[in-house]
Amino acid sequence: QYTKVSIASGQYDANSQPNAAKILVFPDYQYPVTLVTPGLSGFGVNTLKFYAKKYDAGYDLELIIGVLSDPYSLESFQEVDRVRLSAEFEEYSFALPAVEGKPYIGFQFGGYADGETAFKSLRIDDVSWDIVTDQPPMPAVISLPLDNATNLDIMQAVKMQWANGGGNPEGYKFYFG
């Protein structure tokens, strides 16, 4: 009933208000409680970044980061790394290797040592999956309409399309004229 992954909203629950993911586990429940991302691409190119903390300084707690082939089957979980959490939010960053057929990232509760009896809880916030680049953002690559195109019928719908030109842009400015 209480062991679960949920969304917490409170002054001490989130690094960036208002919400964060909360994993709460009671010691009598030994199933590997895991928060799983949607399927992703870009392994080996992107960096996983997030903030995490344990809820109370009175216990040790590890967070295990791994990949899965099936988000509904924790038997497919493959550990990649683990971190020991503190009671304050800290930023973590991982370059995850591409593992064939495992497009999901899992954040898994690290478990209990023998004899521990208190419940444990952790928070995960501000998760991002960013392109690693040492280059500044580049201009967009225009594909439709072609740059300097002429004789476009502006009374008809004109499709505009562009792609990322490289780097990690935060947006684009569009000029017409």
C-alpha atoms as a PDB file:
ATOM      1  CA  GLN A   1       0.000   0.000   0.000  1.00  0.00           C
ATOM      2  CA  TYR A   2       2.778   2.478   0.874  1.00  0.00           C
ATOM      3  CA  THR A   3       5.743   1.151  -1.124  1.00  0.00           C
ATOM      4  CA  LYS A   4       5.553   2.911  -4.489  1.00  0.00           C
ATOM      5  CA  VAL A   5       6.744   5.529  -6.936  1.00  0.00           C
ATOM      6  CA  SER A   6       4.606   8.671  -6.846  1.00  0.00           C
ATOM      7  CA  ILE A   7       4.719  12.396  -7.475  1.00  0.00           C
ATOM      8  CA  ALA A   8       5.455  14.494  -4.397  1.00  0.00           C
ATOM      9  CA  SER A   9       4.774  18.194  -4.115  1.00  0.00           C
ATOM     10  CA  GLY A  10       5.987  20.088  -1.139  1.00  0.00           C
ATOM     11  CA  GLN A  11       8.565  22.593  -0.023  1.00  0.00           C
ATOM     12  CA  TYR A  12      11.129  19.893   0.837  1.00  0.00           C
ATOM     13  CA  ASP A  13      10.199  17.384  -1.873  1.00  0.00           C
ATOM     14  CA  ALA A  14      11.366  19.104  -5.051  1.00  0.00           C
ATOM     15  CA  ASN A  15      14.584  20.675  -6.249  1.00  0.00           C
ATOM     16  CA  SER A  16      12.531  22.816  -8.643  1.00  0.00           C
ATOM     17  CA  GLN A  17       9.013  23.460  -7.391  1.00  0.00           C
ATOM     18  CA  PRO A  18       6.380  22.174  -7.477  1.00  0.00           C
ATOM     19  CA  ASN A  19       6.881  18.411  -8.097  1.00  0.00           C
ATOM     20  CA  ALA A  20       9.435  15.603  -7.943  1.00  0.00           C
ATOM     21  CA  ALA A  21       9.326  11.834  -8.256  1.00  0.00           C
ATOM     22  CA  LYS A  22       9.218  10.088  -4.875  1.00  0.00           C
ATOM     23  CA  ILE A  23      10.231   6.498  -4.207  1.00  0.00           C
ATOM     24  CA  LEU A  24       9.071   5.222  -0.816  1.00  0.00           C
ATOM     25  CA  VAL A  25       9.923   1.693   0.329  1.00  0.00           C
ATOM     26  CA  PHE A  26       9.153  -0.168   3.551  1.00  0.00           C
ATOM     27  CA  PRO A  27      11.703  -2.794   4.712  1.00  0.00           C
ATOM     28  CA  ASP A  28       9.284  -5.721   4.490  1.00  0.00           C
ATOM     29  CA  TYR A  29       8.910  -5.127   0.738  1.00  0.00           C
ATOM     30  CA  GLN A  30      11.932  -6.449  -1.156  1.00  0.00           C
ATOM     31  CA  TYR A  31      10.786  -5.937  -4.757  1.00  0.00           C
ATOM     32  CA  PRO A  32      13.092  -3.608  -6.760  1.00  0.00           C
ATOM     33  CA  VAL A  33      10.986  -0.419  -6.889  1.00  0.00           C
ATOM     34  CA  THR A  34      11.930   1.420 -10.099  1.00  0.00           C
ATOM     35  CA  LEU A  35      11.034   4.664 -11.879  1.00  0.00           C
ATOM     36  CA  VAL A  36      11.337   4.147 -15.672  1.00  0.00           C
ATOM     37  CA  THR A  37      11.645   6.760 -18.436  1.00  0.00           C
ATOM     38  CA  PRO A  38       9.918   6.572 -21.803  1.00  0.00           C
ATOM     39  CA  GLY A  39      11.981   4.884 -24.526  1.00  0.00           C
ATOM     40  CA  LEU A  40      14.954   7.018 -25.557  1.00  0.00           C
ATOM     41  CA  SER A  41      17.578   7.176 -28.286  1.00  0.00           C
ATOM     42  CA  GLY A  42      20.969   8.878 -28.293  1.00  0.00           C
ATOM     43  CA  PHE A  43      22.774   6.507 -25.930  1.00  0.00           C
ATOM     44  CA  GLY A  44      26.523   7.088 -26.186  1.00  0.00           C
ATOM     45  CA  VAL A  45      25.828  10.649 -27.398  1.00  0.00           C
ATOM     46  CA  ASN A  46      23.507  12.167 -24.784  1.00  0.00           C
ATOM     47  CA  THR A  47      24.038  12.738 -21.083  1.00  0.00           C
ATOM     48  CA  LEU A  48      21.530  11.842 -18.376  1.00  0.00           C
ATOM     49  CA  LYS A  49      21.315  14.592 -15.737  1.00  0.00           C
ATOM     50  CA  PHE A  50      19.106  14.742 -12.668  1.00  0.00           C
ATOM     51  CA  TYR A  51      18.926  15.896  -9.066  1.00  0.00           C
ATOM     52  CA  ALA A  52      18.343  13.400  -6.271  1.00  0.00           C
ATOM     53  CA  LYS A  53      18.375  13.133  -2.495  1.00  0.00           C
ATOM     54  CA  LYS A  54      17.348  10.766   0.252  1.00  0.00           C
ATOM     55  CA  TYR A  55      14.589  12.127   2.447  1.00  0.00           C
ATOM     56  CA  ASP A  56      16.301  11.678   5.809  1.00  0.00           C
ATOM     57  CA  ALA A  57      19.950  11.896   6.893  1.00  0.00           C
ATOM     58  CA  GLY A  58      19.377   9.072   9.397  1.00  0.00           C
ATOM     59  CA  TYR A  59      20.047   6.218   6.952  1.00  0.00           C
ATOM     60  CA  ASP A  60      22.266   5.232   4.019  1.00  0.00           C
ATOM     61  CA  LEU A  61      20.654   4.918   0.618  1.00  0.00           C
ATOM     62  CA  GLU A  62      21.868   4.184  -2.887  1.00  0.00           C
ATOM     63  CA  LEU A  63      20.125   4.945  -6.164  1.00  0.00           C
ATOM     64  CA  ILE A  64      20.860   2.478  -8.962  1.00  0.00           C
ATOM     65  CA  ILE A  65      20.813   3.715 -12.565  1.00  0.00           C
ATOM     66  CA  GLY A  66      20.263   1.132 -15.281  1.00  0.00           C
ATOM     67  CA  VAL A  67      18.697   0.346 -18.640  1.00  0.00           C
ATOM     68  CA  LEU A  68      15.768  -1.906 -19.536  1.00  0.00           C
ATOM     69  CA  SER A  69      14.425  -3.575 -22.657  1.00  0.00           C
ATOM     70  CA  ASP A  70      10.864  -3.689 -21.306  1.00  0.00           C
ATOM     71  CA  PRO A  71       9.529  -0.975 -18.956  1.00  0.00           C
ATOM     72  CA  TYR A  72       7.015  -3.459 -17.513  1.00  0.00           C
ATOM     73  CA  SER A  73       9.551  -6.186 -16.744  1.00  0.00           C
ATOM     74  CA  LEU A  74      12.177  -5.438 -14.107  1.00  0.00           C
ATOM     75  CA  GLU A  75      13.907  -8.713 -15.001  1.00  0.00           C
ATOM     76  CA  SER A  76      15.279  -6.791 -18.018  1.00  0.00           C
ATOM     77  CA  PHE A  77      16.948  -4.175 -15.728  1.00  0.00           C
ATOM     78  CA  GLN A  78      20.723  -3.983 -16.250  1.00  0.00           C
ATOM     79  CA  GLU A  79      22.681  -1.868 -13.757  1.00  0.00           C
ATOM     80  CA  VAL A  80      24.961   0.787 -15.263  1.00  0.00           C
ATOM     81  CA  ASP A  81      25.980   2.784 -12.182  1.00  0.00           C
ATOM     82  CA  ARG A  82      24.925   3.717  -8.652  1.00  0.00           C
ATOM     83  CA  VAL A  83      25.198   6.748  -6.382  1.00  0.00           C
ATOM     84  CA  ARG A  84      25.070   7.145  -2.608  1.00  0.00           C
ATOM     85  CA  LEU A  85      22.522   9.860  -1.873  1.00  0.00           C
ATOM     86  CA  SER A  86      22.823  12.663   0.656  1.00  0.00           C
ATOM     87  CA  ALA A  87      19.963  14.424   2.457  1.00  0.00           C
ATOM     88  CA  GLU A  88      20.335  17.493   0.201  1.00  0.00           C
ATOM     89  CA  PHE A  89      19.645  17.622  -3.531  1.00  0.00           C
ATOM     90  CA  GLU A  90      22.769  17.026  -5.600  1.00  0.00           C
ATOM     91  CA  GLU A  91      23.151  17.000  -9.379  1.00  0.00           C
ATOM     92  CA  TYR A  92      24.272  13.754 -11.031  1.00  0.00           C
ATOM     93  CA  SER A  93      25.400  13.248 -14.603  1.00  0.00           C
ATOM     94  CA  PHE A  94      25.949  10.010 -16.534  1.00  0.00           C
ATOM     95  CA  ALA A  95      26.989   9.194 -20.081  1.00  0.00           C
ATOM     96  CA  LEU A  96      25.130   5.921 -20.589  1.00  0.00           C
ATOM     97  CA  PRO A  97      26.515   3.439 -23.112  1.00  0.00           C
ATOM     98  CA  ALA A  98      24.264   2.087 -25.833  1.00  0.00           C
ATOM     99  CA  VAL A  99      23.021  -1.379 -24.870  1.00  0.00           C
ATOM    100  CA  GLU A 100      21.345  -3.201 -27.772  1.00  0.00           C
ATOM    101  CA  GLY A 101      17.586  -3.426 -27.296  1.00  0.00           C
ATOM    102  CA  LYS A 102      17.485  -1.444 -24.016  1.00  0.00           C
ATOM    103  CA  PRO A 103      16.022   2.021 -24.728  1.00  0.00           C
ATOM    104  CA  TYR A 104      14.565   2.676 -21.249  1.00  0.00           C
ATOM    105  CA  ILE A 105      16.419   4.230 -18.299  1.00  0.00           C
ATOM    106  CA  GLY A 106      15.506   3.040 -14.809  1.00  0.00           C
ATOM    107  CA  PHE A 107      16.085   4.677 -11.421  1.00  0.00           C
ATOM    108  CA  GLN A 108      15.968   1.873  -8.864  1.00  0.00           C
ATOM    109  CA  PHE A 109      15.794   1.941  -5.072  1.00  0.00           C
ATOM    110  CA  GLY A 110      19.083   0.559  -3.692  1.00  0.00           C
ATOM    111  CA  GLY A 111      17.595  -1.809  -1.111  1.00  0.00           C
ATOM    112  CA  TYR A 112      17.959  -2.565   2.568  1.00  0.00           C
ATOM    113  CA  ALA A 113      20.811  -3.986   4.599  1.00  0.00           C
ATOM    114  CA  ASP A 114      19.978  -6.921   6.875  1.00  0.00           C
ATOM    115  CA  GLY A 115      18.247  -5.843  10.062  1.00  0.00           C
ATOM    116  CA  GLU A 116      17.120  -2.389   8.900  1.00  0.00           C
ATOM    117  CA  THR A 117      13.552  -1.624   9.976  1.00  0.00           C
ATOM    118  CA  ALA A 118      12.773   2.030   9.145  1.00  0.00           C
ATOM    119  CA  PHE A 119      11.143   3.030   5.858  1.00  0.00           C
ATOM    120  CA  LYS A 120      13.369   4.840   3.323  1.00  0.00           C
ATOM    121  CA  SER A 121      12.456   7.446   0.775  1.00  0.00           C
ATOM    122  CA  LEU A 122      14.191   9.345  -1.999  1.00  0.00           C
ATOM    123  CA  ARG A 123      13.371  12.138  -4.433  1.00  0.00           C
ATOM    124  CA  ILE A 124      14.365  12.543  -8.095  1.00  0.00           C
ATOM    125  CA  ASP A 125      13.861  15.856  -9.895  1.00  0.00           C
ATOM    126  CA  ASP A 126      14.823  17.811 -13.025  1.00  0.00           C
ATOM    127  CA  VAL A 127      15.671  14.787 -15.162  1.00  0.00           C
ATOM    128  CA  SER A 128      17.112  15.701 -18.572  1.00  0.00           C
ATOM    129  CA  TRP A 129      18.541  13.802 -21.543  1.00  0.00           C
ATOM    130  CA  ASP A 130      20.839  16.279 -23.298  1.00  0.00           C
ATOM    131  CA  ILE A 131      23.087  16.161 -26.321  1.00  0.00           C
ATOM    132  CA  VAL A 132      26.737  16.360 -25.264  1.00  0.00           C
ATOM    133  CA  THR A 133      28.477  19.106 -27.153  1.00  0.00           C
ATOM    134  CA  ASP A 134      31.434  21.378 -26.684  1.00  0.00           C
ATOM    135  CA  GLN A 135      30.264  23.517 -29.603  1.00  0.00           C
ATOM    136  CA  PRO A 136      27.944  26.523 -29.488  1.00  0.00           C
ATOM    137  CA  PRO A 137      24.499  26.080 -31.047  1.00  0.00           C
ATOM    138  CA  MET A 138      24.524  26.278 -34.839  1.00  0.00           C
ATOM    139  CA  PRO A 139      21.844  27.849 -37.066  1.00  0.00           C
ATOM    140  CA  ALA A 140      18.915  25.749 -38.199  1.00  0.00           C
ATOM    141  CA  VAL A 141      19.092  23.919 -41.515  1.00  0.00           C
ATOM    142  CA  ILE A 142      16.145  25.062 -43.643  1.00  0.00           C
ATOM    143  CA  SER A 143      14.458  22.339 -45.690  1.00  0.00           C
ATOM    144  CA  LEU A 144      11.078  23.888 -46.652  1.00  0.00           C
ATOM    145  CA  PRO A 145      10.703  26.259 -48.343  1.00  0.00           C
ATOM    146  CA  LEU A 146      14.213  26.448 -49.740  1.00  0.00           C
ATOM    147  CA  ASP A 147      16.224  29.469 -48.665  1.00  0.00           C
ATOM    148  CA  ASN A 148      15.617  32.406 -51.074  1.00  0.00           C
ATOM    149  CA  ALA A 149      12.750  30.497 -52.759  1.00  0.00           C
ATOM    150  CA  THR A 150      10.695  32.603 -55.179  1.00  0.00           C
ATOM    151  CA  ASN A 151       7.212  32.420 -56.683  1.00  0.00           C
ATOM    152  CA  LEU A 152       5.586  30.865 -53.601  1.00  0.00           C
ATOM    153  CA  ASP A 153       1.805  31.185 -53.551  1.00  0.00           C
ATOM    154  CA  ILE A 154       1.288  32.808 -50.160  1.00  0.00           C
ATOM    155  CA  MET A 155      -2.488  32.454 -50.549  1.00  0.00           C
ATOM    156  CA  GLN A 156      -2.005  28.693 -50.084  1.00  0.00           C
ATOM    157  CA  ALA A 157      -0.651  27.028 -46.976  1.00  0.00           C
ATOM    158  CA  VAL A 158       3.137  27.228 -47.055  1.00  0.00           C
ATOM    159  CA  LYS A 159       4.854  24.436 -45.165  1.00  0.00           C
ATOM    160  CA  MET A 160       7.878  25.557 -43.175  1.00  0.00           C
ATOM    161  CA  GLN A 161      10.351  22.988 -41.956  1.00  0.00           C
ATOM    162  CA  TRP A 162      13.842  23.082 -40.459  1.00  0.00           C
ATOM    163  CA  ALA A 163      16.194  20.830 -38.536  1.00  0.00           C
ATOM    164  CA  ASN A 164      18.777  21.277 -35.804  1.00  0.00           C
ATOM    165  CA  GLY A 165      22.061  22.445 -37.335  1.00  0.00           C
ATOM    166  CA  GLY A 166      24.156  21.087 -34.462  1.00  0.00           C
ATOM    167  CA  GLY A 167      25.010  21.977 -30.922  1.00  0.00           C
ATOM    168  CA  ASN A 168      22.245  22.222 -28.348  1.00  0.00           C
ATOM    169  CA  PRO A 169      20.052  25.224 -29.261  1.00  0.00           C
ATOM    170  CA  GLU A 170      17.366  26.429 -26.866  1.00  0.00           C
ATOM    171  CA  GLY A 171      15.193  27.785 -29.700  1.00  0.00           C
ATOM    172  CA  TYR A 172      15.165  29.522 -33.071  1.00  0.00           C
ATOM    173  CA  LYS A 173      14.108  32.969 -34.323  1.00  0.00           C
ATOM    174  CA  PHE A 174      12.008  33.074 -37.475  1.00  0.00           C
ATOM    175  CA  TYR A 175      12.238  36.052 -39.853  1.00  0.00           C
ATOM    176  CA  PHE A 176       9.955  36.627 -42.828  1.00  0.00           C
ATOM    177  CA  GLY A 177      10.514  39.232 -45.479  1.00  0.00           C
END
